[in-house]
Each structure stands twice: as structure tokens, then as C-alpha cells.
């Protein structure tokens, strides 16, 4: 089971569940941060998808 925070994320998950290229999925897999002008900025992607070809896809 994979968590979601909105109906849009739920719909995206349902599409990925039927995509034969998607071999694995992680919800909010990591946080990216970088220095901003006045403070540190960060973002956590919604999903990371492992594809059958061995590559990955980050969904924001």
C-alpha cells in the first residue's frame, strides 16, 4: 500500500498501478534541499517510480 495526500495523487497512483513499465513505487522517498537567498529551501517529491529498464522517475 502506498499513501497519498490528494485525489490527484490517488489517480496518479492508479495509473501507475496499471503501467507495465513501473516495477516499484515509493511515497515521499527523499527530501531535496538547497540554499536560498535568505533561508534553506527544501522539497519532498510525491513519488519515486522504479522502471523496468532500471531507470527511475521522480514525480513532483
Protein backbone atom coordinates (compact mmCIF):
# COMPACT_ATOMS: atom_id res chain seq x y z
CA UNK A 1 0.00 0.00 0.00
CA UNK A 2 1.21 3.47 -0.88
CA UNK A 3 -0.05 6.62 0.77
CA UNK A 4 -1.49 9.64 -0.99
CA UNK A 5 -2.48 13.12 0.16
CA UNK A 6 -4.97 14.17 -2.53
CA UNK A 7 -7.34 12.72 -5.09
CA UNK A 8 -4.93 13.79 -7.83
CA UNK A 9 -2.15 11.72 -6.22
CA UNK A 10 -4.56 8.81 -5.84
CA UNK A 11 -5.45 8.98 -9.54
CA UNK A 12 -1.76 9.11 -10.46
CA UNK A 13 -1.15 6.00 -8.34
CA UNK A 14 -3.98 4.16 -10.05
CA UNK A 15 -2.47 4.96 -13.45
CA UNK A 16 0.97 3.79 -12.29
CA UNK A 17 -0.55 0.58 -10.94
CA UNK A 18 -1.64 -0.29 -14.48
CA UNK A 19 1.60 0.83 -16.16
CA UNK A 20 3.62 -2.29 -17.07
CA UNK A 21 6.87 -0.29 -17.03
CA UNK A 22 6.51 0.56 -13.30
CA UNK A 23 8.20 -2.12 -11.17
CA UNK A 24 8.27 -0.36 -7.80
CA UNK A 25 6.95 2.74 -6.12
CA UNK A 26 7.84 4.75 -3.01
CA UNK A 27 5.82 7.57 -1.48
CA UNK A 28 7.74 10.71 -0.39
CA UNK A 29 11.07 8.91 -0.87
CA UNK A 30 13.54 11.69 -0.03
CA UNK A 31 13.95 15.42 0.54
CA UNK A 32 15.91 17.76 -1.72
CA UNK A 33 17.26 20.96 -0.20
CA UNK A 34 19.32 23.85 -1.46
CA UNK A 35 20.44 27.26 -0.16
CA UNK A 36 18.07 30.11 -0.96
CA UNK A 37 18.69 33.83 -0.80
CA UNK A 38 17.54 34.16 2.83
CA UNK A 39 16.91 30.59 4.04
CA UNK A 40 17.37 26.96 3.12
CA UNK A 41 14.68 25.68 0.72
CA UNK A 42 13.53 22.07 0.59
CA UNK A 43 11.05 19.92 -1.27
CA UNK A 44 9.87 16.33 -0.87
CA UNK A 45 8.75 14.70 -4.14
CA UNK A 46 5.43 12.83 -4.09
CA UNK A 47 6.71 9.55 -5.53
CA UNK A 48 9.71 7.69 -6.87
CA UNK A 49 8.95 5.05 -9.51
CA UNK A 50 11.43 2.32 -10.44
CA UNK A 51 11.01 1.43 -14.10
CA UNK A 52 11.61 -2.00 -15.64
CA UNK A 53 14.55 -0.74 -17.70
CA UNK A 54 16.39 0.04 -14.42
CA UNK A 55 15.87 3.79 -14.52
CA UNK A 56 13.80 5.81 -12.10
CA UNK A 57 11.21 8.53 -12.32
CA UNK A 58 10.67 11.26 -9.69
CA UNK A 59 7.12 12.62 -9.60
CA UNK A 60 6.79 16.05 -8.01
